[in-house]
Amino acid sequence: MHGDRFRHNILTALLLAPATVWLVVFLVLPFIAIAVFSVGERAPEGGYQAAFTLAQYANLPARAAAFWNTMMLAPVGALACLLVAYPVAYYLALKAPQRWRLILLALVVIPFWTSLLMRTYAWMYILGGRGIPALLAFVGIEDVRLINTPGAVLLGIVYGYLPLMILPIYVSLERLDRRLLEASADLGATPLSTFLGVTLKLSLPGVMTGFSLVMILLLGEYLIPTLLGGGKVFFIGNALVDLFLQSRNWPFGSAIAITLVAVSVVVLIAANRISTRVSGARRVDLI
């Protein structure tokens, strides 16, 4: 009996070993290194110098503009993605003909087959002086500026991250028991009441998964603010690139990175609690 249990434990350990080593090497150890850097000092020539100080965390207000832009635009961008994604996911899961569903899902995923850099450059052209503003000037609407604005960044966010919002919501809606919708209608509920009380409530785990995933990725976004914001819309990701690669202030950059991780954990905890309280789901899965 004990021998069987021992062999079972050994087999389980061997199966988990590759994933455990992967997580330790590529997640735990880098996080520990960043945490150690965050309590150090900047060396005179740049980089890291061993020390133990919380001065880097006390200096976080120096990057208040990056934090403010990120904390404002990341939730707004995630919410905008949600407002666009939910009707699309609803149609795909509940209204689209079965024979077309796979094709439509493929069309949602296809943008991921091309580089985000190329797609963002395309939006730079569309929003730039030779794109939409030129068309507006042709019809008499002059001096319209779209590029290098928060609106351009939000548009790039919605375009770039929309598939990541659609897919989790689609999965939740596709698993929905249609008999619940029929029962709600038979009991006299209006279509709006059925949607709010049944469809939306039961799809909330997918909503919170998509929102959390997009929100966390936006907290570290660098490319879209750089290209569509033109350096005028500064995210935390831009601050990290500047501190690690240009200023070479690794301790301060590490303190910002640790703070970013803490914010991401708070987002996940909040999403789990909202999903549990409203829909009864036990957790929000990111995969």
C-alpha atoms as a PDB file:
ATOM      1  CA  MET A   1       0.000   0.000   0.000  1.00  0.00           C
ATOM      2  CA  HIS A   2       2.706   2.411   1.026  1.00  0.00           C
ATOM      3  CA  GLY A   3       4.811   1.290  -1.934  1.00  0.00           C
ATOM      4  CA  ASP A   4       2.001   2.104  -4.378  1.00  0.00           C
ATOM      5  CA  ARG A   5       1.524   5.515  -2.819  1.00  0.00           C
ATOM      6  CA  PHE A   6       5.267   6.182  -2.979  1.00  0.00           C
ATOM      7  CA  ARG A   7       5.392   5.214  -6.660  1.00  0.00           C
ATOM      8  CA  HIS A   8       2.359   7.389  -7.340  1.00  0.00           C
ATOM      9  CA  ASN A   9       4.040  10.362  -5.635  1.00  0.00           C
ATOM     10  CA  ILE A  10       7.254   9.801  -7.586  1.00  0.00           C
ATOM     11  CA  LEU A  11       5.343   9.613 -10.879  1.00  0.00           C
ATOM     12  CA  THR A  12       3.432  12.796 -10.020  1.00  0.00           C
ATOM     13  CA  ALA A  13       6.672  14.580  -9.141  1.00  0.00           C
ATOM     14  CA  LEU A  14       8.275  13.500 -12.423  1.00  0.00           C
ATOM     15  CA  LEU A  15       5.275  14.726 -14.419  1.00  0.00           C
ATOM     16  CA  LEU A  16       5.266  18.074 -12.631  1.00  0.00           C
ATOM     17  CA  ALA A  17       9.047  18.532 -12.730  1.00  0.00           C
ATOM     18  CA  PRO A  18       9.316  20.108 -16.241  1.00  0.00           C
ATOM     19  CA  ALA A  19       6.587  22.674 -15.542  1.00  0.00           C
ATOM     20  CA  THR A  20       8.025  23.385 -12.092  1.00  0.00           C
ATOM     21  CA  VAL A  21      11.526  23.944 -13.462  1.00  0.00           C
ATOM     22  CA  TRP A  22      10.115  26.183 -16.200  1.00  0.00           C
ATOM     23  CA  LEU A  23       8.198  28.327 -13.696  1.00  0.00           C
ATOM     24  CA  VAL A  24      11.133  28.580 -11.316  1.00  0.00           C
ATOM     25  CA  VAL A  25      13.654  29.520 -14.001  1.00  0.00           C
ATOM     26  CA  PHE A  26      11.505  31.905 -16.030  1.00  0.00           C
ATOM     27  CA  LEU A  27       9.138  33.322 -13.405  1.00  0.00           C
ATOM     28  CA  VAL A  28      10.302  32.921  -9.823  1.00  0.00           C
ATOM     29  CA  LEU A  29      14.023  33.624 -10.256  1.00  0.00           C
ATOM     30  CA  PRO A  30      13.536  36.730 -12.463  1.00  0.00           C
ATOM     31  CA  PHE A  31      10.987  38.072  -9.979  1.00  0.00           C
ATOM     32  CA  ILE A  32      13.425  37.539  -7.105  1.00  0.00           C
ATOM     33  CA  ALA A  33      16.157  39.315  -9.081  1.00  0.00           C
ATOM     34  CA  ILE A  34      13.872  42.278  -9.770  1.00  0.00           C
ATOM     35  CA  ALA A  35      12.865  42.397  -6.097  1.00  0.00           C
ATOM     36  CA  VAL A  36      16.527  42.455  -5.056  1.00  0.00           C
ATOM     37  CA  PHE A  37      17.310  45.189  -7.604  1.00  0.00           C
ATOM     38  CA  SER A  38      14.406  47.288  -6.308  1.00  0.00           C
ATOM     39  CA  VAL A  39      15.994  47.707  -2.877  1.00  0.00           C
ATOM     40  CA  GLY A  40      19.430  48.523  -4.300  1.00  0.00           C
ATOM     41  CA  GLU A  41      21.003  51.694  -5.648  1.00  0.00           C
ATOM     42  CA  ARG A  42      21.989  52.895  -9.072  1.00  0.00           C
ATOM     43  CA  ALA A  43      25.686  52.383  -9.718  1.00  0.00           C
ATOM     44  CA  PRO A  44      27.667  55.495 -10.751  1.00  0.00           C
ATOM     45  CA  GLU A  45      28.052  54.130 -14.286  1.00  0.00           C
ATOM     46  CA  GLY A  46      24.453  52.881 -14.355  1.00  0.00           C
ATOM     47  CA  GLY A  47      22.914  49.555 -13.540  1.00  0.00           C
ATOM     48  CA  TYR A  48      22.684  48.019 -10.074  1.00  0.00           C
ATOM     49  CA  GLN A  49      24.739  48.521  -6.951  1.00  0.00           C
ATOM     50  CA  ALA A  50      24.165  46.331  -3.892  1.00  0.00           C
ATOM     51  CA  ALA A  51      22.390  48.108  -1.024  1.00  0.00           C
ATOM     52  CA  PHE A  52      19.258  47.879   1.076  1.00  0.00           C
ATOM     53  CA  THR A  53      17.049  50.921   0.794  1.00  0.00           C
ATOM     54  CA  LEU A  54      13.421  51.757   0.085  1.00  0.00           C
ATOM     55  CA  ALA A  55      14.356  55.035  -1.561  1.00  0.00           C
ATOM     56  CA  GLN A  56      13.337  53.702  -4.985  1.00  0.00           C
ATOM     57  CA  TYR A  57       9.799  53.078  -3.784  1.00  0.00           C
ATOM     58  CA  ALA A  58       9.683  56.495  -2.133  1.00  0.00           C
ATOM     59  CA  ASN A  59      10.633  57.968  -5.527  1.00  0.00           C
ATOM     60  CA  LEU A  60       7.655  56.398  -7.359  1.00  0.00           C
ATOM     61  CA  PRO A  61       5.792  59.764  -7.535  1.00  0.00           C
ATOM     62  CA  ALA A  62       8.517  60.918  -9.938  1.00  0.00           C
ATOM     63  CA  ARG A  63       6.772  58.750 -12.557  1.00  0.00           C
ATOM     64  CA  ALA A  64       3.285  59.793 -11.522  1.00  0.00           C
ATOM     65  CA  ALA A  65       2.355  60.842 -15.076  1.00  0.00           C
ATOM     66  CA  ALA A  66       3.092  57.348 -16.438  1.00  0.00           C
ATOM     67  CA  PHE A  67       1.135  55.736 -13.604  1.00  0.00           C
ATOM     68  CA  TRP A  68      -1.764  58.137 -14.117  1.00  0.00           C
ATOM     69  CA  ASN A  69      -1.953  57.558 -17.870  1.00  0.00           C
ATOM     70  CA  THR A  70      -1.781  53.801 -17.382  1.00  0.00           C
ATOM     71  CA  MET A  71      -4.329  53.674 -14.559  1.00  0.00           C
ATOM     72  CA  MET A  72      -6.720  55.829 -16.584  1.00  0.00           C
ATOM     73  CA  LEU A  73      -6.322  54.478 -20.116  1.00  0.00           C
ATOM     74  CA  ALA A  74      -5.839  50.780 -19.290  1.00  0.00           C
ATOM     75  CA  PRO A  75      -9.287  50.347 -17.627  1.00  0.00           C
ATOM     76  CA  VAL A  76     -10.946  52.571 -20.232  1.00  0.00           C
ATOM     77  CA  GLY A  77      -9.277  50.578 -23.019  1.00  0.00           C
ATOM     78  CA  ALA A  78     -10.307  47.265 -21.446  1.00  0.00           C
ATOM     79  CA  LEU A  79     -13.873  48.540 -21.032  1.00  0.00           C
ATOM     80  CA  ALA A  80     -13.958  49.732 -24.653  1.00  0.00           C
ATOM     81  CA  CYS A  81     -12.752  46.281 -25.758  1.00  0.00           C
ATOM     82  CA  LEU A  82     -15.517  44.715 -23.661  1.00  0.00           C
ATOM     83  CA  LEU A  83     -18.244  46.897 -25.157  1.00  0.00           C
ATOM     84  CA  VAL A  84     -17.144  45.961 -28.668  1.00  0.00           C
ATOM     85  CA  ALA A  85     -16.370  42.317 -27.936  1.00  0.00           C
ATOM     86  CA  TYR A  86     -19.531  41.256 -26.112  1.00  0.00           C
ATOM     87  CA  PRO A  87     -21.964  41.775 -29.021  1.00  0.00           C
ATOM     88  CA  VAL A  88     -19.522  39.998 -31.354  1.00  0.00           C
ATOM     89  CA  ALA A  89     -19.116  37.057 -28.963  1.00  0.00           C
ATOM     90  CA  TYR A  90     -22.882  36.954 -28.377  1.00  0.00           C
ATOM     91  CA  TYR A  91     -23.570  36.725 -32.093  1.00  0.00           C
ATOM     92  CA  LEU A  92     -20.909  34.080 -32.652  1.00  0.00           C
ATOM     93  CA  ALA A  93     -22.083  31.886 -29.772  1.00  0.00           C
ATOM     94  CA  LEU A  94     -25.857  32.236 -29.909  1.00  0.00           C
ATOM     95  CA  LYS A  95     -26.926  33.650 -33.269  1.00  0.00           C
ATOM     96  CA  ALA A  96     -24.410  32.678 -35.952  1.00  0.00           C
ATOM     97  CA  PRO A  97     -25.265  29.606 -38.096  1.00  0.00           C
ATOM     98  CA  GLN A  98     -23.332  26.558 -36.986  1.00  0.00           C
ATOM     99  CA  ARG A  99     -21.713  26.077 -40.417  1.00  0.00           C
ATOM    100  CA  TRP A 100     -20.271  29.616 -40.376  1.00  0.00           C
ATOM    101  CA  ARG A 101     -19.186  29.730 -36.733  1.00  0.00           C
ATOM    102  CA  LEU A 102     -15.728  28.251 -37.196  1.00  0.00           C
ATOM    103  CA  ILE A 103     -14.991  30.574 -40.127  1.00  0.00           C
ATOM    104  CA  LEU A 104     -16.095  33.629 -38.160  1.00  0.00           C
ATOM    105  CA  LEU A 105     -13.954  32.598 -35.185  1.00  0.00           C
ATOM    106  CA  ALA A 106     -10.993  32.205 -37.530  1.00  0.00           C
ATOM    107  CA  LEU A 107     -11.566  35.752 -38.771  1.00  0.00           C
ATOM    108  CA  VAL A 108     -11.387  36.940 -35.163  1.00  0.00           C
ATOM    109  CA  VAL A 109      -8.044  35.180 -34.641  1.00  0.00           C
ATOM    110  CA  ILE A 110      -6.474  36.064 -38.011  1.00  0.00           C
ATOM    111  CA  PRO A 111      -5.098  39.459 -36.849  1.00  0.00           C
ATOM    112  CA  PHE A 112      -2.855  37.554 -34.409  1.00  0.00           C
ATOM    113  CA  TRP A 113      -1.166  35.962 -37.417  1.00  0.00           C
ATOM    114  CA  THR A 114       0.459  39.277 -38.262  1.00  0.00           C
ATOM    115  CA  SER A 115       2.804  41.377 -36.163  1.00  0.00           C
ATOM    116  CA  LEU A 116       1.275  43.925 -33.789  1.00  0.00           C
ATOM    117  CA  LEU A 117       4.009  46.293 -34.941  1.00  0.00           C
ATOM    118  CA  MET A 118       2.845  46.097 -38.570  1.00  0.00           C
ATOM    119  CA  ARG A 119      -0.802  46.542 -37.600  1.00  0.00           C
ATOM    120  CA  THR A 120       0.021  49.532 -35.414  1.00  0.00           C
ATOM    121  CA  TYR A 121       2.041  51.108 -38.218  1.00  0.00           C
ATOM    122  CA  ALA A 122      -1.018  50.708 -40.431  1.00  0.00           C
ATOM    123  CA  TRP A 123      -3.050  52.689 -37.909  1.00  0.00           C
ATOM    124  CA  MET A 124      -0.321  55.334 -37.846  1.00  0.00           C
ATOM    125  CA  TYR A 125      -0.900  55.839 -41.566  1.00  0.00           C
ATOM    126  CA  ILE A 126      -4.695  55.775 -41.235  1.00  0.00           C
ATOM    127  CA  LEU A 127      -4.723  58.332 -38.415  1.00  0.00           C
ATOM    128  CA  GLY A 128      -1.813  60.382 -39.759  1.00  0.00           C
ATOM    129  CA  GLY A 129      -1.836  63.401 -42.031  1.00  0.00           C
ATOM    130  CA  ARG A 130      -2.292  61.338 -45.215  1.00  0.00           C
ATOM    131  CA  GLY A 131      -5.109  59.202 -43.820  1.00  0.00           C
ATOM    132  CA  ILE A 132      -8.431  60.197 -42.286  1.00  0.00           C
ATOM    133  CA  PRO A 133      -7.403  63.850 -41.672  1.00  0.00           C
ATOM    134  CA  ALA A 134      -6.626  64.197 -45.398  1.00  0.00           C
ATOM    135  CA  LEU A 135     -10.054  62.840 -46.309  1.00  0.00           C
ATOM    136  CA  LEU A 136     -11.711  65.219 -43.853  1.00  0.00           C
ATOM    137  CA  ALA A 137      -9.725  68.143 -45.266  1.00  0.00           C
ATOM    138  CA  PHE A 138     -10.912  67.147 -48.748  1.00  0.00           C
ATOM    139  CA  VAL A 139     -14.549  67.648 -47.660  1.00  0.00           C
ATOM    140  CA  GLY A 140     -13.752  70.931 -45.911  1.00  0.00           C
ATOM    141  CA  ILE A 141     -13.002  69.869 -42.330  1.00  0.00           C
ATOM    142  CA  GLU A 142      -9.547  71.267 -41.667  1.00  0.00           C
ATOM    143  CA  ASP A 143      -6.965  70.862 -38.895  1.00  0.00           C
ATOM    144  CA  VAL A 144      -8.211  67.538 -37.517  1.00  0.00           C
ATOM    145  CA  ARG A 145      -5.563  65.804 -35.468  1.00  0.00           C
ATOM    146  CA  LEU A 146      -5.994  62.130 -34.658  1.00  0.00           C
ATOM    147  CA  ILE A 147      -2.481  60.739 -34.245  1.00  0.00           C
ATOM    148  CA  ASN A 148      -0.460  61.314 -31.050  1.00  0.00           C
ATOM    149  CA  THR A 149      -3.580  61.620 -28.901  1.00  0.00           C
ATOM    150  CA  PRO A 150      -5.134  59.493 -26.125  1.00  0.00           C
ATOM    151  CA  GLY A 151      -7.956  58.672 -28.543  1.00  0.00           C
ATOM    152  CA  ALA A 152      -5.502  57.178 -31.014  1.00  0.00           C
ATOM    153  CA  VAL A 153      -3.969  55.074 -28.242  1.00  0.00           C
ATOM    154  CA  LEU A 154      -7.413  53.821 -27.176  1.00  0.00           C
ATOM    155  CA  LEU A 155      -8.261  52.932 -30.774  1.00  0.00           C
ATOM    156  CA  GLY A 156      -5.017  50.984 -31.097  1.00  0.00           C
ATOM    157  CA  ILE A 157      -5.736  49.208 -27.809  1.00  0.00           C
ATOM    158  CA  VAL A 158      -9.206  48.117 -28.909  1.00  0.00           C
ATOM    159  CA  TYR A 159      -7.933  46.940 -32.270  1.00  0.00           C
ATOM    160  CA  GLY A 160      -4.921  45.112 -30.849  1.00  0.00           C
ATOM    161  CA  TYR A 161      -6.572  43.386 -27.889  1.00  0.00           C
ATOM    162  CA  LEU A 162     -10.124  42.763 -29.121  1.00  0.00           C
ATOM    163  CA  PRO A 163      -9.588  39.044 -29.913  1.00  0.00           C
ATOM    164  CA  LEU A 164      -8.344  38.431 -26.366  1.00  0.00           C
ATOM    165  CA  MET A 165     -11.640  39.816 -25.085  1.00  0.00           C
ATOM    166  CA  ILE A 166     -13.892  38.048 -27.576  1.00  0.00           C
ATOM    167  CA  LEU A 167     -12.615  34.500 -27.095  1.00  0.00           C
ATOM    168  CA  PRO A 168     -13.208  34.081 -23.297  1.00  0.00           C
ATOM    169  CA  ILE A 169     -16.674  35.636 -23.583  1.00  0.00           C
ATOM    170  CA  TYR A 170     -17.479  33.382 -26.533  1.00  0.00           C
ATOM    171  CA  VAL A 171     -16.470  30.302 -24.541  1.00  0.00           C
ATOM    172  CA  SER A 172     -18.762  31.295 -21.641  1.00  0.00           C
ATOM    173  CA  LEU A 173     -21.688  32.018 -23.959  1.00  0.00           C
ATOM    174  CA  GLU A 174     -21.156  28.896 -26.048  1.00  0.00           C
ATOM    175  CA  ARG A 175     -21.391  26.748 -22.893  1.00  0.00           C
ATOM    176  CA  LEU A 176     -24.631  28.455 -21.854  1.00  0.00           C
ATOM    177  CA  ASP A 177     -27.559  26.055 -21.417  1.00  0.00           C
ATOM    178  CA  ARG A 178     -30.131  27.284 -23.940  1.00  0.00           C
ATOM    179  CA  ARG A 179     -32.926  25.711 -21.892  1.00  0.00           C
ATOM    180  CA  LEU A 180     -32.411  28.408 -19.275  1.00  0.00           C
ATOM    181  CA  LEU A 181     -33.197  31.061 -21.893  1.00  0.00           C
ATOM    182  CA  GLU A 182     -36.307  29.185 -22.948  1.00  0.00           C
ATOM    183  CA  ALA A 183     -37.420  28.763 -19.332  1.00  0.00           C
ATOM    184  CA  SER A 184     -36.957  32.462 -18.687  1.00  0.00           C
ATOM    185  CA  ALA A 185     -39.078  33.330 -21.717  1.00  0.00           C
ATOM    186  CA  ASP A 186     -41.755  30.780 -20.725  1.00  0.00           C
ATOM    187  CA  LEU A 187     -41.995  32.401 -17.290  1.00  0.00           C
ATOM    188  CA  GLY A 188     -42.816  35.727 -18.906  1.00  0.00           C
ATOM    189  CA  ALA A 189     -39.461  37.499 -18.723  1.00  0.00           C
ATOM    190  CA  THR A 190     -38.768  40.127 -21.356  1.00  0.00           C
ATOM    191  CA  PRO A 191     -35.763  39.655 -23.677  1.00  0.00           C
ATOM    192  CA  LEU A 192     -33.914  42.368 -21.744  1.00  0.00           C
ATOM    193  CA  SER A 193     -34.665  40.702 -18.398  1.00  0.00           C
ATOM    194  CA  THR A 194     -33.529  37.356 -19.772  1.00  0.00           C
ATOM    195  CA  PHE A 195     -30.309  38.880 -21.034  1.00  0.00           C
ATOM    196  CA  LEU A 196     -29.513  40.673 -17.774  1.00  0.00           C
ATOM    197  CA  GLY A 197     -30.656  37.918 -15.421  1.00  0.00           C
ATOM    198  CA  VAL A 198     -29.480  34.842 -17.294  1.00  0.00           C
ATOM    199  CA  THR A 199     -27.168  35.457 -20.246  1.00  0.00           C
ATOM    200  CA  LEU A 200     -25.030  38.244 -18.823  1.00  0.00           C
ATOM    201  CA  LYS A 201     -24.881  36.768 -15.347  1.00  0.00           C
ATOM    202  CA  LEU A 202     -23.801  33.315 -16.506  1.00  0.00           C
ATOM    203  CA  SER A 203     -21.271  34.739 -18.968  1.00  0.00           C
ATOM    204  CA  LEU A 204     -19.679  36.958 -16.325  1.00  0.00           C
ATOM    205  CA  PRO A 205     -16.727  34.576 -15.704  1.00  0.00           C
ATOM    206  CA  GLY A 206     -15.752  34.969 -19.370  1.00  0.00           C
ATOM    207  CA  VAL A 207     -16.268  38.723 -19.158  1.00  0.00           C
ATOM    208  CA  MET A 208     -14.040  39.020 -16.107  1.00  0.00           C
ATOM    209  CA  THR A 209     -11.433  36.704 -17.643  1.00  0.00           C
ATOM    210  CA  GLY A 210     -11.241  38.808 -20.803  1.00  0.00           C
ATOM    211  CA  PHE A 211     -11.256  42.078 -18.880  1.00  0.00           C
ATOM    212  CA  SER A 212      -8.520  40.894 -16.492  1.00  0.00           C
ATOM    213  CA  LEU A 213      -6.358  39.526 -19.298  1.00  0.00           C
ATOM    214  CA  VAL A 214      -6.589  42.714 -21.374  1.00  0.00           C
ATOM    215  CA  MET A 215      -6.177  44.956 -18.330  1.00  0.00           C
ATOM    216  CA  ILE A 216      -3.038  43.177 -17.112  1.00  0.00           C
ATOM    217  CA  LEU A 217      -1.437  43.236 -20.557  1.00  0.00           C
ATOM    218  CA  LEU A 218      -2.243  46.946 -20.916  1.00  0.00           C
ATOM    219  CA  LEU A 219      -0.520  47.722 -17.619  1.00  0.00           C
ATOM    220  CA  GLY A 220       2.767  46.808 -19.292  1.00  0.00           C
ATOM    221  CA  GLU A 221       1.918  48.036 -22.805  1.00  0.00           C
ATOM    222  CA  TYR A 222       4.753  49.829 -24.583  1.00  0.00           C
ATOM    223  CA  LEU A 223       4.351  49.645 -28.354  1.00  0.00           C
ATOM    224  CA  ILE A 224       0.928  51.236 -28.865  1.00  0.00           C
ATOM    225  CA  PRO A 225       1.571  54.353 -26.707  1.00  0.00           C
ATOM    226  CA  THR A 226       4.954  54.802 -28.378  1.00  0.00           C
ATOM    227  CA  LEU A 227       3.680  54.671 -31.961  1.00  0.00           C
ATOM    228  CA  LEU A 228       0.162  56.088 -31.682  1.00  0.00           C
ATOM    229  CA  GLY A 229       0.853  58.357 -28.712  1.00  0.00           C
ATOM    230  CA  GLY A 230       4.021  59.811 -30.171  1.00  0.00           C
ATOM    231  CA  GLY A 231       5.695  60.153 -26.775  1.00  0.00           C
ATOM    232  CA  LYS A 232       2.837  62.333 -25.522  1.00  0.00           C
ATOM    233  CA  VAL A 233       0.899  59.445 -23.961  1.00  0.00           C
ATOM    234  CA  PHE A 234       3.362  57.770 -21.596  1.00  0.00           C
ATOM    235  CA  PHE A 235       2.570  54.361 -20.044  1.00  0.00           C
ATOM    236  CA  ILE A 236       4.413  52.501 -17.300  1.00  0.00           C
ATOM    237  CA  GLY A 237       5.878  50.228 -19.974  1.00  0.00           C
ATOM    238  CA  ASN A 238       7.462  53.273 -21.601  1.00  0.00           C
ATOM    239  CA  ALA A 239       8.890  54.327 -18.244  1.00  0.00           C
ATOM    240  CA  LEU A 240      10.419  50.865 -17.738  1.00  0.00           C
ATOM    241  CA  VAL A 241      12.089  50.928 -21.158  1.00  0.00           C
ATOM    242  CA  ASP A 242      13.502  54.366 -20.427  1.00  0.00           C
ATOM    243  CA  LEU A 243      14.825  53.386 -16.987  1.00  0.00           C
ATOM    244  CA  PHE A 244      16.368  50.058 -17.986  1.00  0.00           C
ATOM    245  CA  LEU A 245      17.735  50.863 -21.453  1.00  0.00           C
ATOM    246  CA  GLN A 246      18.391  54.611 -21.482  1.00  0.00           C
ATOM    247  CA  SER A 247      18.768  55.965 -17.952  1.00  0.00           C
ATOM    248  CA  ARG A 248      20.117  52.591 -16.786  1.00  0.00           C
ATOM    249  CA  ASN A 249      18.497  53.123 -13.402  1.00  0.00           C
ATOM    250  CA  TRP A 250      17.777  49.467 -12.760  1.00  0.00           C
ATOM    251  CA  PRO A 251      16.737  49.799  -9.088  1.00  0.00           C
ATOM    252  CA  PHE A 252      14.117  52.452  -9.825  1.00  0.00           C
ATOM    253  CA  GLY A 253      12.843  50.502 -12.831  1.00  0.00           C
ATOM    254  CA  SER A 254      12.664  47.363 -10.686  1.00  0.00           C
ATOM    255  CA  ALA A 255      10.641  49.193  -8.035  1.00  0.00           C
ATOM    256  CA  ILE A 256       8.177  50.288 -10.716  1.00  0.00           C
ATOM    257  CA  ALA A 257       8.028  46.714 -12.060  1.00  0.00           C
ATOM    258  CA  ILE A 258       7.287  45.304  -8.594  1.00  0.00           C
ATOM    259  CA  THR A 259       4.548  47.896  -8.154  1.00  0.00           C
ATOM    260  CA  LEU A 260       3.136  46.880 -11.527  1.00  0.00           C
ATOM    261  CA  VAL A 261       3.038  43.238 -10.437  1.00  0.00           C
ATOM    262  CA  ALA A 262       1.220  44.246  -7.251  1.00  0.00           C
ATOM    263  CA  VAL A 263      -1.386  46.152  -9.270  1.00  0.00           C
ATOM    264  CA  SER A 264      -1.853  43.116 -11.546  1.00  0.00           C
ATOM    265  CA  VAL A 265      -2.463  40.890  -8.508  1.00  0.00           C
ATOM    266  CA  VAL A 266      -5.044  43.365  -7.195  1.00  0.00           C
ATOM    267  CA  VAL A 267      -6.811  43.300 -10.588  1.00  0.00           C
ATOM    268  CA  LEU A 268      -6.979  39.490 -10.527  1.00  0.00           C
ATOM    269  CA  ILE A 269      -8.268  39.374  -6.948  1.00  0.00           C
ATOM    270  CA  ALA A 270     -10.936  41.989  -7.729  1.00  0.00           C
ATOM    271  CA  ALA A 271     -12.011  40.108 -10.866  1.00  0.00           C
ATOM    272  CA  ASN A 272     -12.308  36.844  -8.932  1.00  0.00           C
ATOM    273  CA  ARG A 273     -14.382  38.415  -6.178  1.00  0.00           C
ATOM    274  CA  ILE A 274     -16.718  40.174  -8.589  1.00  0.00           C
ATOM    275  CA  SER A 275     -17.205  37.000 -10.614  1.00  0.00           C
ATOM    276  CA  THR A 276     -17.817  34.919  -7.474  1.00  0.00           C
ATOM    277  CA  ARG A 277     -20.253  37.379  -5.936  1.00  0.00           C
ATOM    278  CA  VAL A 278     -22.326  38.004  -9.055  1.00  0.00           C
ATOM    279  CA  SER A 279     -22.315  34.694 -10.923  1.00  0.00           C
ATOM    280  CA  GLY A 280     -21.314  32.172  -8.270  1.00  0.00           C
ATOM    281  CA  ALA A 281     -18.232  31.077 -10.243  1.00  0.00           C
ATOM    282  CA  ARG A 282     -15.374  30.047  -8.022  1.00  0.00           C
ATOM    283  CA  ARG A 283     -12.590  31.708  -9.947  1.00  0.00           C
ATOM    284  CA  VAL A 284     -11.578  33.558 -13.083  1.00  0.00           C
ATOM    285  CA  ASP A 285      -9.309  31.518 -15.351  1.00  0.00           C
ATOM    286  CA  LEU A 286      -6.856  33.209 -17.678  1.00  0.00           C
ATOM    287  CA  ILE A 287      -6.499  30.053 -19.736  1.00  0.00           C
END
